N, C-alpha and C. Protein backbone atom coordinates (compact mmCIF):
# COMPACT_ATOMS: atom_id res chain seq x y z
N MET A 1 25.73 -165.53 30.63
CA MET A 1 26.22 -164.28 29.70
C MET A 1 25.34 -164.06 28.70
N ILE A 2 24.70 -162.99 28.43
CA ILE A 2 23.97 -162.54 27.65
C ILE A 2 24.87 -161.33 26.73
N VAL A 3 24.48 -161.96 25.28
CA VAL A 3 25.24 -160.82 24.45
C VAL A 3 23.96 -160.21 23.62
N LEU A 4 24.44 -159.04 23.37
CA LEU A 4 23.31 -158.29 22.41
C LEU A 4 23.92 -158.21 21.24
N ALA A 5 23.21 -158.84 19.97
CA ALA A 5 23.47 -159.03 18.92
C ALA A 5 22.96 -157.72 18.02
N SER A 6 23.24 -156.40 18.56
CA SER A 6 22.83 -155.44 17.87
C SER A 6 24.26 -154.06 17.74
N ALA A 7 24.08 -153.57 16.67
CA ALA A 7 25.37 -152.39 16.88
C ALA A 7 24.68 -151.12 17.13
N SER A 8 23.35 -151.16 17.51
CA SER A 8 22.47 -150.05 17.82
C SER A 8 22.98 -149.48 19.20
N PRO A 9 23.39 -148.13 19.28
CA PRO A 9 23.30 -147.71 20.35
C PRO A 9 22.61 -147.36 21.32
N ARG A 10 21.42 -147.42 20.98
CA ARG A 10 20.13 -146.91 21.56
C ARG A 10 19.83 -148.54 22.08
N ARG A 11 19.66 -149.54 21.59
CA ARG A 11 19.53 -150.73 22.61
C ARG A 11 20.70 -151.04 23.45
N ARG A 12 21.70 -150.76 23.57
CA ARG A 12 22.87 -150.99 24.42
C ARG A 12 22.36 -149.81 25.63
N GLU A 13 21.89 -148.74 25.24
CA GLU A 13 21.82 -148.18 26.46
C GLU A 13 20.34 -148.29 26.89
N LEU A 14 19.28 -149.09 26.44
CA LEU A 14 18.53 -149.41 27.00
C LEU A 14 18.33 -150.63 27.75
N LEU A 15 19.38 -151.36 27.25
CA LEU A 15 19.57 -152.71 27.79
C LEU A 15 20.49 -152.65 29.47
N ALA A 16 21.38 -151.57 29.24
CA ALA A 16 21.85 -150.99 30.05
C ALA A 16 20.76 -150.19 31.34
N GLN A 17 20.28 -149.33 30.84
CA GLN A 17 19.36 -148.93 31.74
C GLN A 17 18.39 -149.85 32.66
N ALA A 18 17.99 -150.86 31.88
CA ALA A 18 17.32 -151.91 32.93
C ALA A 18 18.25 -152.94 33.53
N GLY A 19 19.47 -152.46 33.59
CA GLY A 19 20.45 -153.20 34.63
C GLY A 19 20.94 -154.42 34.14
N TYR A 20 21.03 -154.98 33.06
CA TYR A 20 21.28 -156.17 32.59
C TYR A 20 22.85 -155.89 32.60
N SER A 21 23.64 -156.97 32.68
CA SER A 21 25.31 -157.15 32.19
C SER A 21 24.89 -157.89 31.04
N PHE A 22 25.69 -157.07 30.03
CA PHE A 22 26.07 -157.99 28.59
C PHE A 22 27.17 -157.75 27.85
N SER A 23 27.24 -158.32 26.77
CA SER A 23 28.65 -157.97 25.94
C SER A 23 27.84 -157.58 24.70
N VAL A 24 28.35 -156.91 23.86
CA VAL A 24 27.88 -156.49 22.36
C VAL A 24 28.56 -157.27 21.37
N HIS A 25 28.09 -157.66 20.46
CA HIS A 25 28.50 -158.43 19.22
C HIS A 25 27.70 -158.46 17.99
N PRO A 26 27.53 -157.25 17.20
CA PRO A 26 26.64 -157.36 16.19
C PRO A 26 26.73 -157.98 15.22
N ALA A 27 25.48 -158.32 14.87
CA ALA A 27 25.25 -159.66 13.58
C ALA A 27 25.28 -158.80 12.41
N ASP A 28 25.69 -159.80 11.25
CA ASP A 28 25.98 -159.14 9.70
C ASP A 28 25.17 -160.05 9.13
N VAL A 29 23.83 -159.76 9.24
CA VAL A 29 22.65 -160.21 8.09
C VAL A 29 21.85 -159.32 7.08
N PRO A 30 21.56 -159.90 5.80
CA PRO A 30 20.76 -158.69 5.45
C PRO A 30 19.53 -158.64 6.07
N GLU A 31 19.01 -157.25 5.62
CA GLU A 31 17.74 -156.83 6.62
C GLU A 31 16.94 -156.20 5.20
N ASP A 32 17.13 -157.20 4.26
CA ASP A 32 15.72 -156.75 3.20
C ASP A 32 14.54 -157.61 3.56
N PRO A 33 13.48 -157.08 3.39
CA PRO A 33 12.05 -157.98 3.51
C PRO A 33 12.15 -159.01 2.78
N LEU A 34 11.38 -160.06 2.75
CA LEU A 34 11.46 -161.13 1.73
C LEU A 34 9.68 -160.60 0.98
N PRO A 35 9.94 -161.02 -0.53
CA PRO A 35 8.60 -160.77 -0.85
C PRO A 35 7.49 -161.47 -0.40
N GLY A 36 6.51 -160.18 -0.19
CA GLY A 36 5.27 -160.40 0.41
C GLY A 36 5.16 -160.45 1.86
N GLU A 37 6.41 -160.43 2.70
CA GLU A 37 6.45 -160.34 4.23
C GLU A 37 5.84 -159.68 4.72
N GLU A 38 4.97 -159.97 5.87
CA GLU A 38 4.41 -159.13 6.70
C GLU A 38 5.20 -158.44 7.65
N PRO A 39 4.80 -157.62 8.19
CA PRO A 39 5.83 -156.56 8.99
C PRO A 39 6.03 -157.27 10.37
N ILE A 40 5.37 -158.13 11.16
CA ILE A 40 5.67 -158.75 11.99
C ILE A 40 6.59 -159.84 11.91
N ALA A 41 6.27 -160.46 10.72
CA ALA A 41 7.13 -161.78 10.42
C ALA A 41 8.69 -161.23 10.00
N TYR A 42 8.52 -160.03 9.46
CA TYR A 42 9.87 -159.59 8.85
C TYR A 42 10.80 -159.17 10.04
N VAL A 43 10.14 -158.39 11.41
CA VAL A 43 11.30 -158.02 12.13
C VAL A 43 11.38 -159.49 13.20
N THR A 44 10.41 -160.15 13.50
CA THR A 44 10.91 -161.26 14.11
C THR A 44 11.81 -162.67 13.45
N ARG A 45 11.77 -162.70 12.33
CA ARG A 45 12.79 -163.31 11.58
C ARG A 45 14.09 -162.66 11.56
N LEU A 46 14.08 -161.69 11.33
CA LEU A 46 15.34 -160.21 11.56
C LEU A 46 16.30 -160.96 12.83
N ALA A 47 14.93 -160.43 13.93
CA ALA A 47 15.65 -160.96 15.08
C ALA A 47 16.20 -162.24 15.43
N ARG A 48 15.43 -163.14 15.30
CA ARG A 48 16.08 -164.73 15.19
C ARG A 48 17.24 -164.72 14.23
N GLU A 49 17.44 -164.25 13.17
CA GLU A 49 18.77 -164.78 12.46
C GLU A 49 19.76 -164.04 12.89
N LYS A 50 19.49 -162.73 13.72
CA LYS A 50 20.84 -161.95 14.29
C LYS A 50 21.32 -162.89 15.43
N ALA A 51 20.37 -163.10 16.20
CA ALA A 51 20.36 -163.95 17.08
C ALA A 51 21.11 -165.04 17.08
N GLU A 52 20.62 -165.85 15.93
CA GLU A 52 21.64 -167.40 15.78
C GLU A 52 22.87 -167.19 15.05
N ALA A 53 22.87 -166.17 13.98
CA ALA A 53 24.10 -166.01 13.54
C ALA A 53 25.26 -165.55 14.43
N VAL A 54 24.85 -164.97 15.78
CA VAL A 54 26.13 -164.42 16.74
C VAL A 54 26.20 -165.53 17.59
N PHE A 55 25.18 -166.46 18.11
CA PHE A 55 25.27 -167.73 18.57
C PHE A 55 26.51 -168.69 18.13
N ARG A 56 26.22 -168.84 16.77
CA ARG A 56 27.04 -169.50 15.81
C ARG A 56 28.85 -169.41 16.00
N GLN A 57 28.78 -168.15 16.28
CA GLN A 57 30.08 -167.63 16.17
C GLN A 57 30.97 -167.85 17.56
N TYR A 58 30.23 -168.31 18.71
CA TYR A 58 31.06 -168.64 19.95
C TYR A 58 31.18 -169.73 20.14
N PRO A 59 32.39 -170.07 20.79
CA PRO A 59 32.88 -171.52 20.69
C PRO A 59 31.69 -172.59 21.55
N PRO A 60 32.01 -173.47 21.36
CA PRO A 60 30.64 -174.81 22.20
C PRO A 60 30.97 -174.79 23.04
N GLN A 61 32.28 -174.72 23.82
CA GLN A 61 32.16 -174.31 25.65
C GLN A 61 31.37 -173.36 26.25
N ASP A 62 31.31 -172.36 25.52
CA ASP A 62 30.54 -171.01 25.84
C ASP A 62 28.88 -171.68 25.90
N ALA A 63 28.58 -172.64 24.80
CA ALA A 63 27.10 -172.81 24.75
C ALA A 63 26.01 -172.76 25.95
N ASN A 64 26.45 -173.26 27.00
CA ASN A 64 25.45 -173.73 28.11
C ASN A 64 25.13 -172.33 28.57
N SER A 65 26.08 -171.42 28.80
CA SER A 65 25.78 -170.45 29.42
C SER A 65 25.55 -168.99 28.89
N LEU A 66 25.37 -169.46 27.70
CA LEU A 66 25.16 -168.24 26.21
C LEU A 66 23.91 -167.91 26.13
N HIS A 67 23.58 -166.63 26.08
CA HIS A 67 21.85 -166.00 26.05
C HIS A 67 22.17 -165.07 24.81
N VAL A 68 21.90 -165.03 23.62
CA VAL A 68 22.07 -164.12 22.86
C VAL A 68 20.64 -163.30 22.37
N LEU A 69 20.81 -162.06 22.54
CA LEU A 69 19.40 -161.59 22.16
C LEU A 69 19.64 -160.53 20.82
N GLY A 70 18.58 -160.98 20.14
CA GLY A 70 18.27 -160.25 18.91
C GLY A 70 17.24 -159.62 18.79
N ALA A 71 17.94 -158.31 18.04
CA ALA A 71 16.17 -157.02 17.71
C ALA A 71 16.21 -156.68 16.37
N ASP A 72 15.24 -156.32 16.07
CA ASP A 72 14.85 -155.40 14.92
C ASP A 72 13.76 -154.57 14.97
N THR A 73 13.68 -153.67 14.66
CA THR A 73 12.51 -152.51 14.33
C THR A 73 12.22 -151.86 13.07
N THR A 74 10.98 -151.96 12.75
CA THR A 74 10.18 -151.35 11.65
C THR A 74 9.21 -150.41 11.98
N VAL A 75 8.85 -149.50 11.10
CA VAL A 75 7.63 -148.93 11.14
C VAL A 75 6.82 -149.22 9.91
N THR A 76 5.64 -149.33 10.20
CA THR A 76 4.72 -149.63 9.27
C THR A 76 3.62 -148.59 9.20
N ILE A 77 3.15 -148.24 7.92
CA ILE A 77 1.92 -147.57 7.56
C ILE A 77 1.70 -147.57 6.09
N ASP A 78 0.11 -147.86 6.24
CA ASP A 78 -0.32 -147.94 4.71
C ASP A 78 0.20 -149.82 4.15
N SER A 79 0.25 -150.32 4.97
CA SER A 79 0.79 -152.11 5.25
C SER A 79 2.00 -152.08 4.50
N GLN A 80 2.98 -150.63 4.26
CA GLN A 80 4.52 -150.44 3.91
C GLN A 80 5.27 -150.72 5.11
N ILE A 81 6.46 -151.23 4.69
CA ILE A 81 7.27 -151.42 5.64
C ILE A 81 8.37 -150.18 5.46
N LEU A 82 8.69 -149.63 6.36
CA LEU A 82 9.45 -148.19 6.31
C LEU A 82 10.62 -148.56 7.06
N ALA A 83 11.86 -149.23 6.49
CA ALA A 83 13.17 -149.30 7.33
C ALA A 83 14.16 -148.36 7.28
N LYS A 84 15.27 -148.34 7.36
CA LYS A 84 16.06 -147.51 7.23
C LYS A 84 15.75 -146.64 6.21
N PRO A 85 16.24 -145.03 5.89
CA PRO A 85 15.88 -144.88 4.52
C PRO A 85 17.22 -145.00 3.93
N GLU A 86 17.36 -144.74 2.59
CA GLU A 86 18.73 -145.09 1.61
C GLU A 86 19.27 -143.70 1.83
N ASN A 87 18.53 -142.56 1.37
CA ASN A 87 19.38 -141.13 1.60
C ASN A 87 18.35 -140.15 1.91
N PRO A 88 18.63 -139.10 2.06
CA PRO A 88 18.02 -137.81 2.47
C PRO A 88 16.45 -137.81 1.91
N ALA A 89 16.72 -138.01 0.64
CA ALA A 89 15.29 -137.85 -0.28
C ALA A 89 14.23 -139.01 0.06
N ASP A 90 14.94 -140.22 0.45
CA ASP A 90 13.98 -141.48 1.11
C ASP A 90 13.53 -141.32 2.32
N ALA A 91 14.25 -140.21 3.21
CA ALA A 91 14.02 -139.96 4.80
C ALA A 91 12.68 -138.74 4.46
N ALA A 92 12.83 -137.72 3.70
CA ALA A 92 11.86 -137.07 3.25
C ALA A 92 10.38 -137.57 2.91
N ARG A 93 10.98 -138.70 1.92
CA ARG A 93 9.60 -139.14 1.43
C ARG A 93 8.78 -140.09 2.65
N MET A 94 9.59 -140.74 3.19
CA MET A 94 8.74 -141.30 4.83
C MET A 94 8.21 -140.41 5.61
N LEU A 95 9.07 -139.44 6.16
CA LEU A 95 8.45 -138.18 7.13
C LEU A 95 6.79 -137.74 6.17
N ARG A 96 7.01 -137.64 5.15
CA ARG A 96 5.98 -137.01 4.59
C ARG A 96 4.89 -138.18 4.66
N MET A 97 4.89 -139.37 4.50
CA MET A 97 3.86 -140.34 4.49
C MET A 97 3.62 -140.52 6.30
N LEU A 98 4.33 -140.12 7.48
CA LEU A 98 3.91 -140.31 8.44
C LEU A 98 3.02 -138.82 8.86
N SER A 99 3.61 -138.00 8.18
CA SER A 99 3.09 -136.60 8.73
C SER A 99 1.35 -136.56 8.73
N GLY A 100 0.60 -136.11 10.14
CA GLY A 100 -0.48 -135.79 10.00
C GLY A 100 -1.07 -137.23 10.63
N ARG A 101 -0.48 -138.32 10.67
CA ARG A 101 -1.26 -139.50 10.77
C ARG A 101 -0.57 -140.62 11.93
N SER A 102 -1.08 -141.73 12.31
CA SER A 102 -0.85 -142.66 12.99
C SER A 102 -0.18 -143.62 12.35
N HIS A 103 0.96 -144.41 12.92
CA HIS A 103 1.70 -145.55 12.18
C HIS A 103 1.97 -146.36 13.32
N HIS A 104 2.43 -147.78 13.16
CA HIS A 104 2.87 -148.65 14.21
C HIS A 104 4.21 -148.77 14.10
N VAL A 105 5.06 -149.04 15.07
CA VAL A 105 6.34 -149.28 15.13
C VAL A 105 6.28 -150.92 16.01
N ILE A 106 7.05 -151.41 15.33
CA ILE A 106 7.03 -153.04 15.71
C ILE A 106 8.45 -153.22 15.78
N THR A 107 9.03 -154.07 16.75
CA THR A 107 10.45 -154.37 17.44
C THR A 107 10.05 -156.05 17.45
N GLY A 108 10.64 -156.84 16.63
CA GLY A 108 10.93 -158.38 16.68
C GLY A 108 11.92 -158.28 17.75
N VAL A 109 12.00 -159.58 18.68
CA VAL A 109 12.98 -159.82 19.67
C VAL A 109 13.09 -161.35 19.86
N ALA A 110 14.44 -161.62 19.70
CA ALA A 110 14.58 -163.22 19.85
C ALA A 110 15.78 -163.63 20.84
N VAL A 111 15.62 -164.38 21.78
CA VAL A 111 16.66 -164.89 22.50
C VAL A 111 16.89 -166.31 22.02
N VAL A 112 18.20 -166.53 21.90
CA VAL A 112 18.75 -167.96 21.44
C VAL A 112 19.63 -168.46 22.80
N THR A 113 19.43 -169.57 22.94
CA THR A 113 20.21 -170.33 23.84
C THR A 113 20.59 -171.54 23.18
N ARG A 114 21.43 -172.44 23.77
CA ARG A 114 21.77 -173.84 23.24
C ARG A 114 20.67 -174.59 23.12
N ASN A 115 19.50 -174.66 24.25
CA ASN A 115 18.15 -175.45 23.84
C ASN A 115 16.89 -174.97 23.06
N LEU A 116 16.93 -173.44 23.34
CA LEU A 116 15.76 -172.68 23.15
C LEU A 116 15.99 -171.58 22.21
N THR A 117 14.69 -171.41 21.36
CA THR A 117 14.83 -169.98 20.57
C THR A 117 13.35 -169.56 21.01
N GLN A 118 13.03 -168.39 21.38
CA GLN A 118 11.95 -167.61 22.04
C GLN A 118 12.44 -166.38 20.92
N VAL A 119 10.76 -166.17 20.31
CA VAL A 119 10.70 -164.99 19.22
C VAL A 119 9.36 -164.33 19.78
N ALA A 120 9.34 -162.62 19.88
CA ALA A 120 8.06 -162.56 20.21
C ALA A 120 8.40 -161.01 19.36
N ALA A 121 7.20 -160.34 19.52
CA ALA A 121 7.19 -158.93 18.90
C ALA A 121 6.21 -157.94 19.59
N GLU A 122 6.74 -156.83 19.92
CA GLU A 122 5.88 -155.75 20.42
C GLU A 122 5.41 -154.53 19.31
N VAL A 123 4.21 -154.10 19.23
CA VAL A 123 3.43 -153.27 18.51
C VAL A 123 3.52 -152.00 19.31
N THR A 124 3.90 -150.73 18.82
CA THR A 124 3.26 -149.52 19.56
C THR A 124 2.48 -148.63 18.33
N ALA A 125 1.23 -147.94 18.65
CA ALA A 125 0.92 -146.79 17.70
C ALA A 125 1.43 -145.54 17.96
N VAL A 126 1.74 -145.02 16.77
CA VAL A 126 2.60 -143.35 17.04
C VAL A 126 1.55 -142.37 16.22
N ARG A 127 1.11 -141.36 16.87
CA ARG A 127 0.75 -140.40 16.39
C ARG A 127 1.69 -139.11 16.25
N PHE A 128 1.45 -138.86 14.59
CA PHE A 128 2.55 -137.58 13.98
C PHE A 128 1.83 -136.61 13.97
N LEU A 129 2.37 -135.28 14.52
CA LEU A 129 1.41 -134.10 13.85
C LEU A 129 1.82 -133.70 12.47
N SER A 130 1.02 -133.02 11.83
CA SER A 130 1.14 -132.64 10.11
C SER A 130 2.67 -131.54 10.51
N LEU A 131 3.68 -132.33 9.52
CA LEU A 131 4.84 -131.57 9.32
C LEU A 131 4.94 -130.61 8.23
N SER A 132 5.56 -129.53 8.01
CA SER A 132 5.57 -128.56 7.08
C SER A 132 6.76 -129.21 6.00
N ASP A 133 6.92 -128.71 5.01
CA ASP A 133 8.02 -129.06 3.91
C ASP A 133 9.26 -128.53 4.81
N GLU A 134 9.75 -127.54 5.25
CA GLU A 134 10.60 -126.53 6.00
C GLU A 134 10.85 -127.74 7.11
N GLU A 135 9.96 -128.07 7.82
CA GLU A 135 10.63 -128.70 9.26
C GLU A 135 10.74 -130.17 8.74
N ILE A 136 10.36 -130.98 7.59
CA ILE A 136 11.06 -132.21 6.91
C ILE A 136 12.42 -131.85 6.63
N ALA A 137 12.53 -130.68 5.88
CA ALA A 137 13.68 -130.76 5.05
C ALA A 137 14.85 -130.50 6.09
N SER A 138 14.66 -129.56 7.36
CA SER A 138 15.45 -129.35 8.49
C SER A 138 15.90 -130.37 9.04
N TYR A 139 15.03 -131.35 9.61
CA TYR A 139 14.88 -132.58 10.09
C TYR A 139 15.65 -133.56 9.69
N VAL A 140 15.71 -133.24 8.35
CA VAL A 140 16.64 -134.69 7.30
C VAL A 140 17.94 -134.00 7.53
N ALA A 141 18.28 -132.78 7.11
CA ALA A 141 19.71 -131.89 7.32
C ALA A 141 20.08 -132.35 8.38
N SER A 142 19.53 -132.47 9.86
CA SER A 142 20.08 -132.94 11.05
C SER A 142 21.07 -134.08 10.79
N GLY A 143 20.60 -135.00 10.09
CA GLY A 143 21.34 -136.18 10.10
C GLY A 143 20.58 -137.48 10.61
N GLU A 144 19.87 -136.87 11.97
CA GLU A 144 19.07 -137.76 12.69
C GLU A 144 18.20 -138.88 11.93
N PRO A 145 17.43 -138.62 11.10
CA PRO A 145 16.75 -139.62 10.40
C PRO A 145 17.41 -140.73 9.83
N MET A 146 18.73 -140.48 9.56
CA MET A 146 19.61 -141.46 8.78
C MET A 146 19.44 -142.99 8.93
N ASP A 147 19.55 -143.21 10.14
CA ASP A 147 19.93 -144.59 10.57
C ASP A 147 18.64 -145.20 11.34
N LYS A 148 17.62 -144.40 11.19
CA LYS A 148 16.29 -144.99 11.98
C LYS A 148 15.19 -145.48 11.10
N ALA A 149 14.71 -146.62 11.65
CA ALA A 149 13.37 -147.11 10.90
C ALA A 149 12.60 -145.79 10.83
N GLY A 150 11.87 -145.34 9.61
CA GLY A 150 10.67 -144.50 9.55
C GLY A 150 11.37 -143.08 9.62
N ALA A 151 12.85 -143.26 9.72
CA ALA A 151 13.34 -141.71 9.41
C ALA A 151 13.21 -141.11 10.81
N TYR A 152 13.04 -141.65 11.80
CA TYR A 152 12.87 -140.42 12.95
C TYR A 152 13.53 -141.17 14.58
N ALA A 153 13.28 -140.46 15.00
CA ALA A 153 13.99 -140.78 16.66
C ALA A 153 13.10 -140.26 17.75
N ILE A 154 12.34 -140.88 18.15
CA ILE A 154 11.02 -140.31 19.14
C ILE A 154 11.84 -139.65 20.28
N GLN A 155 13.14 -140.24 20.75
CA GLN A 155 13.63 -139.53 21.92
C GLN A 155 14.84 -138.31 21.52
N GLY A 156 14.57 -138.16 19.98
CA GLY A 156 15.38 -137.12 19.55
C GLY A 156 14.38 -136.06 19.36
N ARG A 157 14.60 -135.11 18.32
CA ARG A 157 14.42 -134.29 17.83
C ARG A 157 12.75 -134.07 17.45
N ALA A 158 12.39 -135.32 16.88
CA ALA A 158 11.19 -136.01 16.35
C ALA A 158 10.10 -135.76 17.42
N ALA A 159 10.61 -135.83 18.81
CA ALA A 159 9.58 -135.84 20.09
C ALA A 159 8.63 -135.06 19.97
N ARG A 160 9.14 -133.56 19.54
CA ARG A 160 8.20 -132.46 19.10
C ARG A 160 6.88 -133.14 18.47
N TRP A 161 7.02 -133.81 17.33
CA TRP A 161 5.97 -133.96 16.73
C TRP A 161 5.31 -134.99 16.88
N ILE A 162 5.25 -135.57 18.21
CA ILE A 162 4.17 -136.92 18.27
C ILE A 162 3.74 -136.61 19.72
N PRO A 163 2.48 -136.11 19.73
CA PRO A 163 1.56 -135.91 20.71
C PRO A 163 1.29 -137.18 21.53
N ARG A 164 1.17 -138.37 20.80
CA ARG A 164 0.54 -139.44 21.80
C ARG A 164 1.02 -140.63 21.21
N ILE A 165 1.17 -141.94 22.11
CA ILE A 165 1.61 -143.13 21.52
C ILE A 165 0.52 -144.12 22.39
N GLU A 166 0.43 -144.99 21.80
CA GLU A 166 -0.21 -146.15 22.63
C GLU A 166 0.86 -147.43 22.35
N GLY A 167 0.85 -147.97 23.38
CA GLY A 167 1.95 -148.98 23.80
C GLY A 167 3.32 -148.75 24.66
N CYS A 168 4.31 -149.42 24.22
CA CYS A 168 5.37 -149.18 24.91
C CYS A 168 6.59 -148.14 24.36
N TYR A 169 6.78 -147.30 25.00
CA TYR A 169 7.41 -145.89 24.64
C TYR A 169 9.21 -146.87 24.15
N PHE A 170 9.36 -147.73 25.03
CA PHE A 170 10.97 -148.16 24.70
C PHE A 170 10.90 -148.92 23.48
N ASN A 171 9.76 -149.47 23.01
CA ASN A 171 9.84 -150.25 21.65
C ASN A 171 9.95 -149.13 20.44
N VAL A 172 9.62 -148.09 20.76
CA VAL A 172 9.60 -147.04 19.54
C VAL A 172 10.93 -146.59 19.72
N VAL A 173 11.75 -146.75 20.50
CA VAL A 173 13.17 -146.23 20.85
C VAL A 173 13.74 -147.70 20.33
N GLY A 174 13.60 -148.66 20.40
CA GLY A 174 14.06 -149.75 19.77
C GLY A 174 14.58 -150.99 20.72
N LEU A 175 13.92 -151.38 21.58
CA LEU A 175 13.95 -152.12 22.66
C LEU A 175 12.79 -152.09 23.63
N PRO A 176 11.87 -153.17 23.07
CA PRO A 176 10.84 -153.09 24.66
C PRO A 176 11.06 -153.86 25.60
N LEU A 177 11.77 -153.24 26.59
CA LEU A 177 12.10 -153.81 27.59
C LEU A 177 11.44 -154.97 28.39
N ALA A 178 9.92 -154.53 28.61
CA ALA A 178 9.28 -155.43 29.55
C ALA A 178 9.36 -156.58 28.74
N LEU A 179 9.12 -156.65 27.19
CA LEU A 179 9.04 -158.12 26.71
C LEU A 179 10.41 -158.97 26.74
N VAL A 180 11.44 -157.85 26.74
CA VAL A 180 12.81 -158.55 26.75
C VAL A 180 13.00 -159.11 28.00
N THR A 181 12.62 -158.49 28.87
CA THR A 181 12.83 -159.20 30.75
C THR A 181 11.72 -160.22 30.78
N ALA A 182 11.09 -160.33 30.12
CA ALA A 182 9.75 -161.48 30.09
C ALA A 182 10.51 -162.68 29.59
N LEU A 183 11.50 -162.32 28.15
CA LEU A 183 11.93 -163.57 27.76
C LEU A 183 13.41 -164.03 28.34
N LEU A 184 13.98 -163.03 29.14
CA LEU A 184 15.78 -163.47 29.80
C LEU A 184 15.25 -164.00 31.10
N GLU A 185 14.09 -163.37 31.96
CA GLU A 185 14.14 -163.43 33.07
C GLU A 185 13.95 -164.78 33.67
N PRO A 186 12.91 -165.90 33.03
CA PRO A 186 13.14 -167.31 33.07
C PRO A 186 14.35 -168.10 33.07
N LEU A 187 14.99 -167.44 31.82
CA LEU A 187 16.35 -168.17 31.53
C LEU A 187 17.31 -168.18 32.43
N GLN A 188 17.59 -166.79 33.14
CA GLN A 188 18.25 -166.54 34.08
C GLN A 188 18.21 -167.18 35.14
N ILE A 189 17.14 -167.11 36.03
CA ILE A 189 16.66 -168.27 36.83
C ILE A 189 17.07 -169.72 36.54
N GLU A 190 17.05 -169.94 35.67
CA GLU A 190 17.41 -171.29 34.82
C GLU A 190 19.04 -171.54 35.40
N MET A 191 19.53 -170.53 34.95
CA MET A 191 21.33 -170.57 34.89
C MET A 191 21.49 -170.51 36.11
N SER A 192 20.71 -169.89 37.36
CA SER A 192 21.46 -169.76 38.33
C SER A 192 21.42 -171.16 39.39
N SER A 193 20.31 -171.74 38.63
CA SER A 193 20.03 -172.92 39.90
C SER A 193 20.81 -174.26 39.14
């Protein structure tokens, strides 16, 4: 039994698109970076904490067949972590930072089972075109940036400003499917034997 420890509709859609059967049980863990925490350490820690928190909520009799998948995505530029914006002004600030530059999207993924915890991360470089103040204001007013790391959705309106990425597209959406498959498939084989 695979359980997705995330409330993200994008992660649900991607996991279903990849053909997985799963249930959803969002985790409730604080998402603030620790002082001095590096971006990869930050997202992998959160992914693990989310998966572990959800795993603990299931009864012991389910433990043998339980595979909890946690994930967390962040955007980094100039060594800064850009999580979800706090308000429209914060979203505009982030978009001004990304405008005309390349940045990295990092997703940490964790799979927790009774006997094993696996943690990995995927990094994708994303190039943004230069944005005018009017484009930023219009995009922020659309509401789309408000629940997204780095204040944008590559699969939404922001797609028109992204001429190039290097790495996994699905990572930028929020769940690197090839990495998830690499973590889950050996466990599924073990489950069926």
